């Protein structure tokens, strides 16, 4: 029996990542390392869904309540930052990417340099779900995640979804670039990751 042809969007992403050299952040001390997963769920048409989370509101968390991607800080036991992204996704939303996904590659690292955030370097990994959707288990949220949502890619990357808006960060009000989807305002490091991804998928 002949294998099914690859999903057209996934095929484009695989080609783009195969020839892509992601930018690495400078590793001047002090710094921590973290990784996140940008998870692509193909649809029947030439489109896909992306998985976003709303972080739970917790004292002491600089990203409390923000919209982001599954992920977190590297554990000393993690063999690599890719391992970190896969482990954190499993812990935060119960999705086993080792079983249900394929890592296509890494995107540009993000290193915010602002006194209100820890000195952290974040490496995003692009992961595509390969199993049929009815075999992917329902997501199970941890106490770190308040909400989760699959967002259609072509509904997110449209001119009307790109906005300049005001966000509250601790005692500050900042004007930022963001993606707006329903009640999800996606800004900060996640907005920068999406801007990098937007240049690859079309």
N, C-alpha and C. Protein backbone atom coordinates (compact mmCIF):
# COMPACT_ATOMS: atom_id res chain seq x y z
N UNK A 1 0.85 -1.19 0.00
CA UNK A 1 0.00 0.00 0.00
C UNK A 1 0.89 1.25 0.00
N UNK A 2 0.58 2.20 -0.87
CA UNK A 2 1.37 3.41 -0.95
C UNK A 2 1.10 4.29 0.26
N UNK A 3 2.16 4.95 0.74
CA UNK A 3 2.01 5.86 1.87
C UNK A 3 1.25 7.09 1.42
N UNK A 4 0.49 7.67 2.35
CA UNK A 4 -0.25 8.90 2.04
C UNK A 4 0.73 10.03 1.78
N UNK A 5 0.41 10.91 0.81
CA UNK A 5 1.32 12.03 0.54
C UNK A 5 1.39 12.94 1.76
N UNK A 6 2.53 13.60 1.97
CA UNK A 6 2.66 14.48 3.13
C UNK A 6 1.69 15.66 3.03
N UNK A 7 1.25 16.13 4.19
CA UNK A 7 0.40 17.31 4.23
C UNK A 7 1.17 18.47 3.60
N UNK A 8 0.55 19.25 2.69
CA UNK A 8 1.30 20.29 1.97
C UNK A 8 1.95 21.32 2.88
N UNK A 9 1.26 21.74 3.93
CA UNK A 9 1.84 22.72 4.83
C UNK A 9 3.02 22.12 5.60
N UNK A 10 2.85 20.88 6.05
CA UNK A 10 3.94 20.22 6.77
C UNK A 10 5.14 20.04 5.86
N UNK A 11 4.90 19.69 4.61
CA UNK A 11 6.00 19.53 3.67
C UNK A 11 6.75 20.85 3.48
N UNK A 12 6.01 21.96 3.38
CA UNK A 12 6.66 23.27 3.23
C UNK A 12 7.49 23.61 4.47
N UNK A 13 6.92 23.34 5.65
CA UNK A 13 7.65 23.63 6.88
C UNK A 13 8.91 22.79 6.99
N UNK A 14 8.82 21.52 6.63
CA UNK A 14 9.99 20.64 6.69
C UNK A 14 11.09 21.15 5.75
N UNK A 15 10.71 21.58 4.56
CA UNK A 15 11.71 22.11 3.62
C UNK A 15 12.32 23.39 4.16
N UNK A 16 11.49 24.26 4.72
CA UNK A 16 12.00 25.53 5.25
C UNK A 16 12.97 25.31 6.41
N UNK A 17 12.63 24.39 7.31
CA UNK A 17 13.49 24.14 8.47
C UNK A 17 14.76 23.40 8.08
N UNK A 18 14.70 22.58 7.01
CA UNK A 18 15.88 21.83 6.59
C UNK A 18 17.02 22.76 6.18
N UNK A 19 16.67 23.91 5.62
CA UNK A 19 17.71 24.84 5.18
C UNK A 19 17.83 26.07 6.06
N UNK A 20 17.29 26.00 7.27
CA UNK A 20 17.24 27.18 8.13
C UNK A 20 18.31 27.10 9.22
N UNK A 21 19.04 28.20 9.41
CA UNK A 21 20.05 28.29 10.46
C UNK A 21 19.53 29.23 11.55
N UNK A 22 18.93 28.68 12.61
CA UNK A 22 18.34 29.56 13.64
C UNK A 22 19.40 30.39 14.35
N UNK A 23 19.03 31.62 14.66
CA UNK A 23 19.94 32.51 15.38
C UNK A 23 20.03 32.10 16.83
N UNK A 24 21.24 32.07 17.36
CA UNK A 24 21.47 31.74 18.75
C UNK A 24 21.74 33.02 19.54
N UNK A 25 21.19 33.10 20.73
CA UNK A 25 21.39 34.28 21.58
C UNK A 25 22.79 34.25 22.21
N UNK A 26 23.32 35.42 22.52
CA UNK A 26 24.61 35.49 23.21
C UNK A 26 24.46 34.92 24.61
N UNK A 27 25.46 34.15 25.02
CA UNK A 27 25.41 33.49 26.32
C UNK A 27 26.41 34.12 27.30
N UNK A 28 26.25 35.42 27.47
CA UNK A 28 27.03 36.10 28.49
C UNK A 28 26.32 35.93 29.83
N UNK A 29 27.09 35.71 30.87
CA UNK A 29 26.52 35.48 32.20
C UNK A 29 25.91 36.77 32.77
N UNK A 30 24.86 36.62 33.61
CA UNK A 30 24.18 35.38 33.97
C UNK A 30 23.06 35.07 32.99
N UNK A 31 22.72 33.80 32.86
CA UNK A 31 21.58 33.43 32.04
C UNK A 31 21.08 32.05 32.45
N UNK A 32 19.79 31.84 32.18
CA UNK A 32 19.14 30.53 32.30
C UNK A 32 18.70 30.11 30.91
N UNK A 33 18.43 28.82 30.72
CA UNK A 33 17.95 28.34 29.44
C UNK A 33 16.55 27.73 29.59
N UNK A 34 15.74 27.92 28.57
CA UNK A 34 14.39 27.35 28.54
C UNK A 34 14.06 26.99 27.10
N UNK A 35 12.99 26.22 26.94
CA UNK A 35 12.54 25.84 25.60
C UNK A 35 11.03 25.75 25.58
N UNK A 36 10.45 26.05 24.42
CA UNK A 36 9.00 25.96 24.23
C UNK A 36 8.72 25.19 22.96
N UNK A 37 7.49 24.68 22.84
CA UNK A 37 7.07 23.93 21.66
C UNK A 37 6.00 24.70 20.91
N UNK A 38 6.28 24.99 19.65
CA UNK A 38 5.29 25.56 18.73
C UNK A 38 4.67 24.37 17.99
N UNK A 39 3.47 23.97 18.41
CA UNK A 39 2.88 22.70 17.98
C UNK A 39 1.89 22.94 16.85
N UNK A 40 2.13 22.28 15.72
CA UNK A 40 1.30 22.40 14.52
C UNK A 40 0.42 21.16 14.41
N UNK A 41 -0.89 21.36 14.35
CA UNK A 41 -1.83 20.27 14.15
C UNK A 41 -2.45 20.42 12.76
N UNK A 42 -2.02 19.63 11.76
CA UNK A 42 -2.53 19.80 10.40
C UNK A 42 -4.04 19.60 10.31
N UNK A 43 -4.66 20.37 9.42
CA UNK A 43 -6.07 20.21 9.11
C UNK A 43 -6.20 19.54 7.74
N UNK A 44 -7.44 19.20 7.38
CA UNK A 44 -7.65 18.49 6.11
C UNK A 44 -7.31 19.38 4.92
N UNK A 45 -7.51 20.70 5.05
CA UNK A 45 -7.15 21.61 3.97
C UNK A 45 -5.69 22.03 4.17
N UNK A 46 -5.22 22.96 3.35
CA UNK A 46 -3.84 23.43 3.46
C UNK A 46 -3.73 24.45 4.59
N UNK A 47 -4.00 23.99 5.79
CA UNK A 47 -4.00 24.86 6.96
C UNK A 47 -3.65 24.00 8.17
N UNK A 48 -3.53 24.65 9.31
CA UNK A 48 -3.18 23.92 10.54
C UNK A 48 -3.61 24.74 11.73
N UNK A 49 -3.63 24.11 12.89
CA UNK A 49 -3.89 24.78 14.16
C UNK A 49 -2.59 24.88 14.94
N UNK A 50 -2.47 25.95 15.73
CA UNK A 50 -1.35 26.12 16.65
C UNK A 50 -1.89 26.07 18.07
N UNK A 51 -1.11 25.49 18.98
CA UNK A 51 -1.54 25.32 20.36
C UNK A 51 -0.98 26.45 21.23
N UNK A 52 -1.90 27.14 21.92
CA UNK A 52 -1.51 28.19 22.86
C UNK A 52 -2.06 27.87 24.25
N UNK A 53 -1.38 28.38 25.26
CA UNK A 53 -1.84 28.24 26.63
C UNK A 53 -1.97 29.62 27.26
N UNK A 54 -2.87 29.72 28.23
CA UNK A 54 -2.88 30.90 29.10
C UNK A 54 -2.31 30.45 30.45
N UNK A 55 -1.24 31.09 30.85
CA UNK A 55 -0.58 30.69 32.08
C UNK A 55 -1.45 31.06 33.28
N UNK A 56 -1.44 30.22 34.28
CA UNK A 56 -2.19 30.51 35.51
C UNK A 56 -1.60 31.75 36.18
N UNK A 57 -2.45 32.47 36.90
CA UNK A 57 -1.98 33.65 37.63
C UNK A 57 -1.38 33.20 38.96
N UNK A 58 -0.08 33.45 39.08
CA UNK A 58 0.65 32.99 40.26
C UNK A 58 1.62 34.08 40.71
N UNK A 59 1.65 34.31 42.00
CA UNK A 59 2.56 35.31 42.56
C UNK A 59 4.00 34.91 42.27
N UNK A 60 4.80 35.87 41.86
CA UNK A 60 6.21 35.62 41.60
C UNK A 60 6.52 35.13 40.21
N UNK A 61 5.48 34.82 39.42
CA UNK A 61 5.69 34.38 38.04
C UNK A 61 5.67 35.60 37.12
N UNK A 62 6.81 35.93 36.46
CA UNK A 62 6.84 37.12 35.60
C UNK A 62 5.94 37.01 34.38
N UNK A 63 5.50 35.79 34.03
CA UNK A 63 4.61 35.60 32.89
C UNK A 63 3.20 35.21 33.34
N UNK A 64 2.86 35.53 34.57
CA UNK A 64 1.56 35.18 35.15
C UNK A 64 0.42 35.69 34.27
N UNK A 65 -0.50 34.79 33.91
CA UNK A 65 -1.68 35.16 33.16
C UNK A 65 -1.48 35.42 31.69
N UNK A 66 -0.27 35.33 31.18
CA UNK A 66 0.00 35.65 29.78
C UNK A 66 -0.30 34.47 28.87
N UNK A 67 -0.50 34.79 27.58
CA UNK A 67 -0.67 33.77 26.55
C UNK A 67 0.70 33.35 26.06
N UNK A 68 0.94 32.04 26.00
CA UNK A 68 2.25 31.56 25.59
C UNK A 68 2.17 30.20 24.93
N UNK A 69 3.31 29.55 24.89
CA UNK A 69 3.46 28.22 24.32
C UNK A 69 3.88 27.26 25.43
N UNK A 70 3.52 25.99 25.33
CA UNK A 70 3.98 25.04 26.35
C UNK A 70 5.50 25.03 26.42
N UNK A 71 6.03 25.01 27.63
CA UNK A 71 7.49 24.98 27.77
C UNK A 71 7.91 25.48 29.13
N UNK A 72 9.20 25.52 29.34
CA UNK A 72 9.72 25.97 30.63
C UNK A 72 11.22 25.86 30.69
N UNK A 73 11.75 26.00 31.90
CA UNK A 73 13.20 26.04 32.10
C UNK A 73 13.82 24.66 31.96
N UNK A 74 15.05 24.68 31.50
CA UNK A 74 15.80 23.43 31.36
C UNK A 74 16.13 22.85 32.72
N UNK A 75 15.88 21.58 32.86
CA UNK A 75 16.22 20.83 34.07
C UNK A 75 17.62 20.25 33.90
N UNK A 76 18.42 20.19 34.98
CA UNK A 76 19.76 19.61 34.85
C UNK A 76 19.76 18.20 34.26
N UNK A 77 18.67 17.47 34.44
CA UNK A 77 18.60 16.10 33.91
C UNK A 77 18.24 16.05 32.43
N UNK A 78 17.81 17.18 31.83
CA UNK A 78 17.43 17.19 30.41
C UNK A 78 18.67 17.03 29.53
N UNK A 79 18.61 16.10 28.59
CA UNK A 79 19.74 15.86 27.71
C UNK A 79 19.97 17.02 26.74
N UNK A 80 18.92 17.77 26.45
CA UNK A 80 19.01 18.88 25.50
C UNK A 80 17.84 19.81 25.72
N UNK A 81 17.88 20.97 25.04
CA UNK A 81 16.74 21.87 25.11
C UNK A 81 15.53 21.29 24.38
N UNK A 82 15.75 20.47 23.39
CA UNK A 82 14.62 19.77 22.76
C UNK A 82 13.92 18.87 23.77
N UNK A 83 14.70 18.17 24.57
CA UNK A 83 14.13 17.35 25.63
C UNK A 83 13.31 18.20 26.58
N UNK A 84 13.79 19.39 26.91
CA UNK A 84 13.07 20.31 27.79
C UNK A 84 11.70 20.65 27.22
N UNK A 85 11.66 21.01 25.93
CA UNK A 85 10.39 21.39 25.29
C UNK A 85 9.39 20.24 25.32
N UNK A 86 9.85 19.03 25.04
CA UNK A 86 8.96 17.87 25.02
C UNK A 86 8.48 17.53 26.43
N UNK A 87 9.40 17.55 27.39
CA UNK A 87 9.03 17.22 28.77
C UNK A 87 8.03 18.24 29.33
N UNK A 88 8.31 19.51 29.13
CA UNK A 88 7.44 20.55 29.68
C UNK A 88 6.05 20.50 29.04
N UNK A 89 5.97 20.19 27.76
CA UNK A 89 4.66 20.07 27.10
C UNK A 89 3.86 18.94 27.73
N UNK A 90 4.51 17.82 28.00
CA UNK A 90 3.83 16.70 28.65
C UNK A 90 3.36 17.08 30.05
N UNK A 91 4.20 17.78 30.80
CA UNK A 91 3.85 18.15 32.16
C UNK A 91 2.74 19.19 32.21
N UNK A 92 2.75 20.14 31.25
CA UNK A 92 1.81 21.26 31.33
C UNK A 92 0.44 20.94 30.73
N UNK A 93 0.41 20.19 29.63
CA UNK A 93 -0.88 19.94 28.97
C UNK A 93 -1.14 18.47 28.70
N UNK A 94 -0.26 17.58 29.14
CA UNK A 94 -0.50 16.15 29.00
C UNK A 94 -0.36 15.61 27.59
N UNK A 95 0.32 16.34 26.70
CA UNK A 95 0.50 15.90 25.32
C UNK A 95 1.89 15.30 25.16
N UNK A 96 1.96 14.01 24.82
CA UNK A 96 3.22 13.30 24.66
C UNK A 96 3.71 13.48 23.22
N UNK A 97 4.58 14.45 23.02
CA UNK A 97 5.07 14.73 21.67
C UNK A 97 6.05 13.68 21.18
N UNK A 98 6.63 12.90 22.09
CA UNK A 98 7.50 11.81 21.65
C UNK A 98 6.69 10.74 20.93
N UNK A 99 5.43 10.55 21.33
CA UNK A 99 4.56 9.55 20.70
C UNK A 99 3.78 10.13 19.53
N UNK A 100 3.30 11.36 19.68
CA UNK A 100 2.34 11.91 18.74
C UNK A 100 2.92 12.97 17.80
N UNK A 101 4.17 13.33 17.96
CA UNK A 101 4.70 14.43 17.17
C UNK A 101 6.06 14.15 16.56
N UNK A 102 6.46 15.07 15.69
CA UNK A 102 7.80 15.02 15.07
C UNK A 102 8.39 16.42 15.12
N UNK A 103 9.58 16.53 15.69
CA UNK A 103 10.26 17.82 15.77
C UNK A 103 10.88 18.14 14.42
N UNK A 104 10.47 19.26 13.83
CA UNK A 104 11.01 19.66 12.53
C UNK A 104 12.31 20.45 12.68
N UNK A 105 12.48 21.15 13.79
CA UNK A 105 13.69 21.92 14.00
C UNK A 105 13.45 23.07 14.95
N UNK A 106 14.49 23.86 15.15
CA UNK A 106 14.44 24.99 16.07
C UNK A 106 14.29 26.30 15.31
N UNK A 107 13.66 27.28 15.98
CA UNK A 107 13.56 28.64 15.46
C UNK A 107 14.57 29.53 16.20
N UNK A 108 14.55 30.82 15.89
CA UNK A 108 15.51 31.74 16.53
C UNK A 108 15.30 31.79 18.04
N UNK A 109 16.40 31.82 18.78
CA UNK A 109 16.31 31.98 20.22
C UNK A 109 15.90 33.40 20.59
N UNK A 110 15.23 33.53 21.71
CA UNK A 110 14.78 34.81 22.23
C UNK A 110 15.48 35.05 23.56
N UNK A 111 16.05 36.24 23.73
CA UNK A 111 16.65 36.60 25.01
C UNK A 111 16.23 38.03 25.37
N UNK A 112 15.18 38.17 26.18
CA UNK A 112 14.79 39.52 26.59
C UNK A 112 15.83 40.10 27.54
N UNK A 113 16.11 41.36 27.37
CA UNK A 113 17.06 42.03 28.27
C UNK A 113 16.34 43.20 28.92
N UNK A 114 15.60 42.88 29.94
CA UNK A 114 14.85 43.89 30.68
C UNK A 114 14.89 43.54 32.16
N UNK A 115 14.99 44.53 33.04
CA UNK A 115 15.11 44.23 34.47
C UNK A 115 13.88 43.59 35.08
N UNK A 116 12.72 43.63 34.41
CA UNK A 116 11.51 43.04 34.99
C UNK A 116 11.40 41.55 34.69
N UNK A 117 12.32 41.00 33.87
CA UNK A 117 12.29 39.58 33.53
C UNK A 117 13.61 38.93 33.94
N UNK A 118 13.59 37.63 34.25
CA UNK A 118 14.83 36.92 34.57
C UNK A 118 15.72 36.84 33.33
N UNK A 119 17.02 36.66 33.52
CA UNK A 119 17.94 36.57 32.38
C UNK A 119 17.86 35.21 31.71
N UNK A 120 16.86 35.03 30.86
CA UNK A 120 16.57 33.71 30.32
C UNK A 120 16.68 33.70 28.80
N UNK A 121 17.18 32.59 28.26
CA UNK A 121 17.26 32.37 26.82
C UNK A 121 16.24 31.29 26.47
N UNK A 122 15.36 31.58 25.53
CA UNK A 122 14.30 30.65 25.16
C UNK A 122 14.51 30.16 23.73
N UNK A 123 14.56 28.84 23.58
CA UNK A 123 14.68 28.25 22.24
C UNK A 123 13.35 27.60 21.86
N UNK A 124 12.72 28.05 20.79
CA UNK A 124 11.46 27.43 20.34
C UNK A 124 11.75 26.25 19.40
N UNK A 125 10.95 25.20 19.54
CA UNK A 125 11.02 24.05 18.64
C UNK A 125 9.69 23.90 17.92
N UNK A 126 9.76 23.71 16.61
CA UNK A 126 8.57 23.51 15.80
C UNK A 126 8.28 22.01 15.74
N UNK A 127 7.08 21.63 16.19
CA UNK A 127 6.70 20.22 16.27
C UNK A 127 5.38 20.03 15.53
N UNK A 128 5.31 19.00 14.69
CA UNK A 128 4.08 18.70 13.96
C UNK A 128 3.48 17.42 14.52
N UNK A 129 2.18 17.42 14.75
CA UNK A 129 1.48 16.21 15.18
C UNK A 129 1.26 15.32 13.96
N UNK A 130 1.70 14.06 14.08
CA UNK A 130 1.64 13.16 12.92
C UNK A 130 0.53 12.12 13.03
N UNK A 131 0.11 11.77 14.23
CA UNK A 131 -0.91 10.75 14.37
C UNK A 131 -2.28 11.34 14.02
N UNK A 132 -3.22 10.50 13.57
CA UNK A 132 -4.58 11.01 13.35
C UNK A 132 -5.12 11.68 14.61
N UNK A 133 -5.92 12.71 14.41
CA UNK A 133 -6.35 13.51 15.56
C UNK A 133 -7.14 12.70 16.57
N UNK A 134 -7.86 11.65 16.12
CA UNK A 134 -8.64 10.89 17.08
C UNK A 134 -7.78 9.99 17.95
N UNK A 135 -6.48 9.91 17.63
CA UNK A 135 -5.56 9.14 18.46
C UNK A 135 -4.78 10.03 19.42
N UNK A 136 -4.90 11.33 19.26
CA UNK A 136 -4.22 12.26 20.16
C UNK A 136 -5.11 12.47 21.38
N UNK A 137 -4.62 12.22 22.58
CA UNK A 137 -5.48 12.31 23.76
C UNK A 137 -5.93 13.74 24.05
N UNK A 138 -7.03 13.85 24.81
CA UNK A 138 -7.47 15.16 25.25
C UNK A 138 -6.39 15.79 26.12
N UNK A 139 -6.27 17.09 26.03
CA UNK A 139 -5.26 17.79 26.81
C UNK A 139 -5.68 17.84 28.28
N UNK A 140 -4.71 17.63 29.15
CA UNK A 140 -4.93 17.66 30.60
C UNK A 140 -4.05 18.77 31.18
N UNK A 141 -4.70 19.80 31.73
CA UNK A 141 -3.95 20.98 32.16
C UNK A 141 -3.36 20.78 33.55
N UNK A 142 -2.14 21.29 33.72
CA UNK A 142 -1.50 21.29 35.03
C UNK A 142 -1.95 22.54 35.80
N UNK A 143 -1.48 22.67 37.03
CA UNK A 143 -1.84 23.86 37.80
C UNK A 143 -1.11 25.11 37.31
N UNK A 144 -0.19 24.95 36.35
CA UNK A 144 0.51 26.10 35.77
C UNK A 144 -0.26 26.71 34.60
N UNK A 145 -1.28 26.01 34.12
CA UNK A 145 -1.99 26.43 32.91
C UNK A 145 -3.47 26.63 33.23
N UNK A 146 -3.98 27.83 32.90
CA UNK A 146 -5.38 28.15 33.18
C UNK A 146 -6.30 27.84 32.00
N UNK A 147 -5.75 27.88 30.77
CA UNK A 147 -6.59 27.69 29.59
C UNK A 147 -5.69 27.23 28.45
N UNK A 148 -6.28 26.56 27.49
CA UNK A 148 -5.54 26.09 26.32
C UNK A 148 -6.45 26.24 25.11
N UNK A 149 -5.85 26.52 23.96
CA UNK A 149 -6.69 26.73 22.78
C UNK A 149 -5.91 26.40 21.51
N UNK A 150 -6.57 25.69 20.59
CA UNK A 150 -6.04 25.51 19.24
C UNK A 150 -6.52 26.68 18.40
N UNK A 151 -5.60 27.37 17.75
CA UNK A 151 -5.92 28.55 16.95
C UNK A 151 -5.57 28.26 15.50
N UNK A 152 -6.54 28.47 14.62
CA UNK A 152 -6.29 28.21 13.20
C UNK A 152 -5.24 29.18 12.68
N UNK A 153 -4.25 28.63 12.01
CA UNK A 153 -3.10 29.41 11.57
C UNK A 153 -3.52 30.56 10.66
N UNK A 154 -4.39 30.28 9.70
CA UNK A 154 -4.77 31.33 8.75
C UNK A 154 -5.72 32.35 9.37
N UNK A 155 -6.25 32.09 10.54
CA UNK A 155 -7.03 33.09 11.24
C UNK A 155 -6.14 33.99 12.09
N UNK A 156 -4.94 33.49 12.41
CA UNK A 156 -4.02 34.26 13.24
C UNK A 156 -3.14 35.18 12.41
N UNK A 157 -2.63 34.67 11.29
CA UNK A 157 -1.70 35.45 10.48
C UNK A 157 -2.45 36.20 9.38
N UNK A 158 -3.28 37.14 9.82
CA UNK A 158 -3.99 38.04 8.91
C UNK A 158 -3.72 39.46 9.37
N UNK A 159 -3.78 40.44 8.46
CA UNK A 159 -3.46 41.82 8.86
C UNK A 159 -4.26 42.31 10.05
N UNK A 160 -5.54 41.97 10.14
CA UNK A 160 -6.37 42.47 11.22
C UNK A 160 -6.00 41.93 12.58
N UNK A 161 -5.26 40.82 12.62
CA UNK A 161 -4.88 40.22 13.90
C UNK A 161 -3.61 40.84 14.47
N UNK A 162 -2.92 41.63 13.68
CA UNK A 162 -1.66 42.27 14.13
C UNK A 162 -2.01 43.65 14.65
N UNK A 163 -1.77 43.88 15.93
CA UNK A 163 -2.22 45.12 16.56
C UNK A 163 -1.12 45.71 17.42
N UNK A 164 -1.29 46.98 17.74
CA UNK A 164 -0.50 47.65 18.76
C UNK A 164 -1.44 47.92 19.93
N UNK A 165 -1.07 47.47 21.11
CA UNK A 165 -2.00 47.53 22.23
C UNK A 165 -1.27 47.83 23.53
N UNK A 166 -2.04 48.12 24.58
CA UNK A 166 -1.48 48.40 25.90
C UNK A 166 -1.66 47.17 26.78
N UNK A 167 -0.57 46.77 27.44
CA UNK A 167 -0.64 45.65 28.39
C UNK A 167 -0.11 46.13 29.74
N UNK A 168 -0.59 45.48 30.79
CA UNK A 168 -0.14 45.80 32.14
C UNK A 168 0.89 44.75 32.58
N UNK A 169 2.04 45.22 33.01
CA UNK A 169 3.11 44.36 33.52
C UNK A 169 3.50 44.87 34.89
N UNK A 170 3.06 44.13 35.91
CA UNK A 170 3.28 44.56 37.28
C UNK A 170 2.70 45.97 37.45
N UNK A 171 3.53 46.96 37.75
CA UNK A 171 3.02 48.31 37.96
C UNK A 171 3.17 49.18 36.72
N UNK A 172 3.51 48.57 35.59
CA UNK A 172 3.76 49.33 34.37
C UNK A 172 2.66 49.08 33.35
N UNK A 173 2.43 50.07 32.49
CA UNK A 173 1.56 49.91 31.33
C UNK A 173 2.42 50.16 30.10
N UNK A 174 2.48 49.15 29.23
CA UNK A 174 3.37 49.21 28.08
C UNK A 174 2.59 49.09 26.79
N UNK A 175 3.03 49.82 25.76
CA UNK A 175 2.48 49.64 24.43
C UNK A 175 3.34 48.61 23.70
N UNK A 176 2.70 47.57 23.18
CA UNK A 176 3.44 46.48 22.56
C UNK A 176 2.79 46.07 21.24
N UNK A 177 3.58 45.41 20.39
CA UNK A 177 3.03 44.74 19.21
C UNK A 177 2.48 43.40 19.66
N UNK A 178 1.37 42.99 19.07
CA UNK A 178 0.73 41.75 19.51
C UNK A 178 -0.09 41.16 18.37
N UNK A 179 -0.42 39.86 18.56
CA UNK A 179 -1.42 39.19 17.74
C UNK A 179 -2.68 39.08 18.59
N UNK A 180 -3.82 39.42 18.02
CA UNK A 180 -5.08 39.34 18.74
C UNK A 180 -5.96 38.27 18.11
N UNK A 181 -6.35 37.28 18.92
CA UNK A 181 -7.27 36.25 18.46
C UNK A 181 -8.32 36.04 19.55
N UNK A 182 -9.57 36.45 19.23
CA UNK A 182 -10.64 36.41 20.23
C UNK A 182 -10.14 37.11 21.50
N UNK A 183 -10.16 36.43 22.66
CA UNK A 183 -9.72 37.10 23.88
C UNK A 183 -8.25 36.83 24.20
N UNK A 184 -7.51 36.23 23.27
CA UNK A 184 -6.08 35.97 23.46
C UNK A 184 -5.28 37.11 22.85
N UNK A 185 -4.56 37.85 23.70
CA UNK A 185 -3.61 38.87 23.24
C UNK A 185 -2.22 38.28 23.40
N UNK A 186 -1.56 38.04 22.28
CA UNK A 186 -0.29 37.31 22.27
C UNK A 186 0.83 38.32 22.02
N UNK A 187 1.66 38.54 23.04
CA UNK A 187 2.68 39.57 22.93
C UNK A 187 3.97 39.06 23.59
N UNK A 188 4.98 39.94 23.65
CA UNK A 188 6.23 39.58 24.32
C UNK A 188 7.01 38.54 23.54
N UNK A 189 7.63 37.60 24.25
CA UNK A 189 8.46 36.60 23.60
C UNK A 189 7.66 35.74 22.63
N UNK A 190 6.41 35.42 22.98
CA UNK A 190 5.61 34.59 22.09
C UNK A 190 5.31 35.32 20.79
N UNK A 191 5.06 36.61 20.85
CA UNK A 191 4.84 37.40 19.63
C UNK A 191 6.09 37.37 18.76
N UNK A 192 7.27 37.44 19.36
CA UNK A 192 8.51 37.41 18.59
C UNK A 192 8.72 36.03 17.95
N UNK A 193 8.37 34.98 18.67
CA UNK A 193 8.47 33.63 18.10
C UNK A 193 7.52 33.49 16.91
N UNK A 194 6.29 33.99 17.04
CA UNK A 194 5.34 33.90 15.94
C UNK A 194 5.79 34.71 14.73
N UNK A 195 6.40 35.86 14.96
CA UNK A 195 6.90 36.66 13.85
C UNK A 195 7.98 35.91 13.08
N UNK A 196 8.85 35.19 13.80
CA UNK A 196 9.87 34.35 13.17
C UNK A 196 9.20 33.23 12.38
N UNK A 197 8.21 32.57 12.98
CA UNK A 197 7.50 31.47 12.32
C UNK A 197 6.76 31.95 11.09
N UNK A 198 6.19 33.14 11.14
CA UNK A 198 5.41 33.68 10.02
C UNK A 198 6.25 33.81 8.77
N UNK A 199 7.55 34.03 8.94
CA UNK A 199 8.42 34.13 7.78
C UNK A 199 8.81 32.80 7.17
N UNK A 200 8.39 31.68 7.80
CA UNK A 200 8.80 30.35 7.33
C UNK A 200 7.66 29.55 6.68
N UNK A 201 6.43 29.75 7.13
CA UNK A 201 5.38 28.79 6.77
C UNK A 201 4.69 29.06 5.44
N UNK A 202 4.78 30.28 4.93
CA UNK A 202 4.00 30.62 3.73
C UNK A 202 4.62 30.00 2.47
